[in-house]
Amino acid sequence: MPDKAFVDSNIFVYAALDDGNNSYKRRRAIELLENSDISLAASTQVVNEFYAVLLKQKIDESNIREKALEILNGMEVVSITPSIVRASWKLKDKYRCAYWDSLIIRREM
C-alpha cells in the first residue's frame, strides 16, 4: 500500500456539497478524507479546480475560502511547475488522457 495518496478535486467537491443528490458520494468522500490510514496530498491545481467548481455552484465565497484553507492547511499541497506542464504534454500525447489529468498524473510521478 502506498504511504501517500493524491486527492482529486472531485473528492473535495463531493465532501463540500450537500445537495441531497449525491449523499452516498458525499459520505464516502468525507470518509476517505477523514479516515485515511495514509498521508494525503493535493496540488495547487486541485485546490483551484475545487474553488472554481464551488463558485459555479453559487456557494458563498467566504465558505469556499474556509474549505480551501482546510485543504491547504490539512495536507501537503504541491505546486505545478513549468517543467511539470511540459512533461504533462508528453503524457497526454502518449496515453491520450485529458490535459488536466495529465498535469495531475505528472505531478505525482
C-alpha atoms as a PDB file:
ATOM      1  CA  MET A   1       0.000   0.000   0.000  1.00  0.00           C
ATOM      2  CA  PRO A   2       1.375   3.464  -0.827  1.00  0.00           C
ATOM      3  CA  ASP A   3       2.359   5.768   2.009  1.00  0.00           C
ATOM      4  CA  LYS A   4       0.789   8.786   0.274  1.00  0.00           C
ATOM      5  CA  ALA A   5      -2.347   9.207  -1.818  1.00  0.00           C
ATOM      6  CA  PHE A   6      -3.153  12.075  -4.125  1.00  0.00           C
ATOM      7  CA  VAL A   7      -6.667  13.514  -3.756  1.00  0.00           C
ATOM      8  CA  ASP A   8      -8.562  14.665  -6.853  1.00  0.00           C
ATOM      9  CA  SER A   9     -10.749  17.763  -6.786  1.00  0.00           C
ATOM     10  CA  ASN A  10     -13.914  15.654  -7.143  1.00  0.00           C
ATOM     11  CA  ILE A  11     -13.370  14.152  -3.695  1.00  0.00           C
ATOM     12  CA  PHE A  12     -13.191  17.621  -2.140  1.00  0.00           C
ATOM     13  CA  VAL A  13     -16.229  18.784  -4.126  1.00  0.00           C
ATOM     14  CA  TYR A  14     -18.380  15.813  -3.065  1.00  0.00           C
ATOM     15  CA  ALA A  15     -17.314  16.298   0.556  1.00  0.00           C
ATOM     16  CA  ALA A  16     -18.208  20.002   0.441  1.00  0.00           C
ATOM     17  CA  LEU A  17     -21.543  19.909  -1.386  1.00  0.00           C
ATOM     18  CA  ASP A  18     -24.619  18.786   0.481  1.00  0.00           C
ATOM     19  CA  ASP A  19     -27.267  18.964  -2.219  1.00  0.00           C
ATOM     20  CA  GLY A  20     -29.062  15.717  -1.361  1.00  0.00           C
ATOM     21  CA  ASN A  21     -28.444  14.233  -4.813  1.00  0.00           C
ATOM     22  CA  ASN A  22     -25.092  12.663  -4.027  1.00  0.00           C
ATOM     23  CA  SER A  23     -25.393  11.681  -0.381  1.00  0.00           C
ATOM     24  CA  TYR A  24     -23.534   8.374  -0.844  1.00  0.00           C
ATOM     25  CA  LYS A  25     -20.692  10.075  -2.710  1.00  0.00           C
ATOM     26  CA  ARG A  26     -20.556  12.806  -0.082  1.00  0.00           C
ATOM     27  CA  ARG A  27     -20.390  10.328   2.806  1.00  0.00           C
ATOM     28  CA  ARG A  28     -17.737   8.296   1.014  1.00  0.00           C
ATOM     29  CA  ALA A  29     -15.623  11.371   0.203  1.00  0.00           C
ATOM     30  CA  ILE A  30     -15.752  12.566   3.805  1.00  0.00           C
ATOM     31  CA  GLU A  31     -14.836   9.082   4.994  1.00  0.00           C
ATOM     32  CA  LEU A  32     -11.846   8.973   2.650  1.00  0.00           C
ATOM     33  CA  LEU A  33     -10.619  12.388   3.776  1.00  0.00           C
ATOM     34  CA  GLU A  34     -11.142  11.891   7.496  1.00  0.00           C
ATOM     35  CA  ASN A  35     -10.292   8.226   7.993  1.00  0.00           C
ATOM     36  CA  SER A  36      -7.322   7.669   5.758  1.00  0.00           C
ATOM     37  CA  ASP A  37      -4.508   5.495   7.090  1.00  0.00           C
ATOM     38  CA  ILE A  38      -2.073   7.127   4.709  1.00  0.00           C
ATOM     39  CA  SER A  39      -0.848  10.654   4.130  1.00  0.00           C
ATOM     40  CA  LEU A  40      -2.963  12.679   1.705  1.00  0.00           C
ATOM     41  CA  ALA A  41      -1.713  15.244  -0.800  1.00  0.00           C
ATOM     42  CA  ALA A  42      -3.201  17.607  -3.373  1.00  0.00           C
ATOM     43  CA  SER A  43      -1.837  20.025  -5.939  1.00  0.00           C
ATOM     44  CA  THR A  44      -2.444  23.726  -6.292  1.00  0.00           C
ATOM     45  CA  GLN A  45      -4.341  22.831  -9.468  1.00  0.00           C
ATOM     46  CA  VAL A  46      -6.723  20.612  -7.493  1.00  0.00           C
ATOM     47  CA  VAL A  47      -7.352  23.355  -4.938  1.00  0.00           C
ATOM     48  CA  ASN A  48      -8.093  25.812  -7.751  1.00  0.00           C
ATOM     49  CA  GLU A  49     -10.437  23.360  -9.519  1.00  0.00           C
ATOM     50  CA  PHE A  50     -12.268  22.805  -6.223  1.00  0.00           C
ATOM     51  CA  TYR A  51     -12.628  26.571  -5.734  1.00  0.00           C
ATOM     52  CA  ALA A  52     -13.913  27.096  -9.280  1.00  0.00           C
ATOM     53  CA  VAL A  53     -16.495  24.290  -9.071  1.00  0.00           C
ATOM     54  CA  LEU A  54     -17.902  25.626  -5.819  1.00  0.00           C
ATOM     55  CA  LEU A  55     -18.092  29.144  -7.294  1.00  0.00           C
ATOM     56  CA  LYS A  56     -20.165  27.738 -10.179  1.00  0.00           C
ATOM     57  CA  GLN A  57     -22.457  26.123  -7.605  1.00  0.00           C
ATOM     58  CA  LYS A  58     -23.107  29.601  -6.152  1.00  0.00           C
ATOM     59  CA  ILE A  59     -21.521  28.736  -2.793  1.00  0.00           C
ATOM     60  CA  ASP A  60     -20.678  31.776  -0.686  1.00  0.00           C
ATOM     61  CA  GLU A  61     -17.067  32.690  -1.400  1.00  0.00           C
ATOM     62  CA  SER A  62     -16.138  33.040   2.261  1.00  0.00           C
ATOM     63  CA  ASN A  63     -17.276  29.426   2.767  1.00  0.00           C
ATOM     64  CA  ILE A  64     -15.259  28.314  -0.246  1.00  0.00           C
ATOM     65  CA  ARG A  65     -12.164  30.019   1.115  1.00  0.00           C
ATOM     66  CA  GLU A  66     -12.666  28.399   4.500  1.00  0.00           C
ATOM     67  CA  LYS A  67     -12.899  24.964   2.897  1.00  0.00           C
ATOM     68  CA  ALA A  68      -9.907  25.668   0.641  1.00  0.00           C
ATOM     69  CA  LEU A  69      -7.878  26.692   3.696  1.00  0.00           C
ATOM     70  CA  GLU A  70      -8.766  23.367   5.318  1.00  0.00           C
ATOM     71  CA  ILE A  71      -7.195  21.660   2.310  1.00  0.00           C
ATOM     72  CA  LEU A  72      -4.156  23.944   2.253  1.00  0.00           C
ATOM     73  CA  ASN A  73      -3.535  23.535   5.978  1.00  0.00           C
ATOM     74  CA  GLY A  74      -4.574  19.904   6.309  1.00  0.00           C
ATOM     75  CA  MET A  75      -2.285  18.133   3.871  1.00  0.00           C
ATOM     76  CA  GLU A  76       0.699  18.517   1.639  1.00  0.00           C
ATOM     77  CA  VAL A  77      -0.118  20.783  -1.299  1.00  0.00           C
ATOM     78  CA  VAL A  78       2.324  20.686  -4.195  1.00  0.00           C
ATOM     79  CA  SER A  79       2.821  23.267  -6.915  1.00  0.00           C
ATOM     80  CA  ILE A  80       2.588  22.781 -10.654  1.00  0.00           C
ATOM     81  CA  THR A  81       5.858  23.968 -12.205  1.00  0.00           C
ATOM     82  CA  PRO A  82       6.705  24.774 -15.842  1.00  0.00           C
ATOM     83  CA  SER A  83       8.680  21.528 -16.149  1.00  0.00           C
ATOM     84  CA  ILE A  84       5.635  19.571 -14.956  1.00  0.00           C
ATOM     85  CA  VAL A  85       3.483  21.317 -17.576  1.00  0.00           C
ATOM     86  CA  ARG A  86       5.926  20.385 -20.344  1.00  0.00           C
ATOM     87  CA  ALA A  87       6.185  16.785 -19.147  1.00  0.00           C
ATOM     88  CA  SER A  88       2.395  16.513 -18.907  1.00  0.00           C
ATOM     89  CA  TRP A  89       2.126  17.280 -22.625  1.00  0.00           C
ATOM     90  CA  LYS A  90       4.155  14.142 -23.338  1.00  0.00           C
ATOM     91  CA  LEU A  91       1.913  12.076 -21.083  1.00  0.00           C
ATOM     92  CA  LYS A  92      -1.190  13.493 -22.732  1.00  0.00           C
ATOM     93  CA  ASP A  93       0.095  12.612 -26.184  1.00  0.00           C
ATOM     94  CA  LYS A  94       1.382   9.166 -25.233  1.00  0.00           C
ATOM     95  CA  TYR A  95      -1.642   7.981 -23.236  1.00  0.00           C
ATOM     96  CA  ARG A  96      -4.327  10.191 -24.790  1.00  0.00           C
ATOM     97  CA  CYS A  97      -5.593  11.357 -21.435  1.00  0.00           C
ATOM     98  CA  ALA A  98      -7.223  14.685 -20.683  1.00  0.00           C
ATOM     99  CA  TYR A  99      -4.898  17.644 -20.288  1.00  0.00           C
ATOM    100  CA  TRP A 100      -5.877  18.353 -16.672  1.00  0.00           C
ATOM    101  CA  ASP A 101      -5.464  14.694 -15.770  1.00  0.00           C
ATOM    102  CA  SER A 102      -2.038  14.587 -17.390  1.00  0.00           C
ATOM    103  CA  LEU A 103      -0.950  17.503 -15.180  1.00  0.00           C
ATOM    104  CA  ILE A 104      -2.112  15.727 -12.056  1.00  0.00           C
ATOM    105  CA  ILE A 105      -0.547  12.423 -13.073  1.00  0.00           C
ATOM    106  CA  ARG A 106       2.762  14.029 -13.981  1.00  0.00           C
ATOM    107  CA  ARG A 107       2.897  15.940 -10.724  1.00  0.00           C
ATOM    108  CA  GLU A 108       2.567  12.729  -8.770  1.00  0.00           C
ATOM    109  CA  MET A 109       5.268  10.877 -10.690  1.00  0.00           C
END
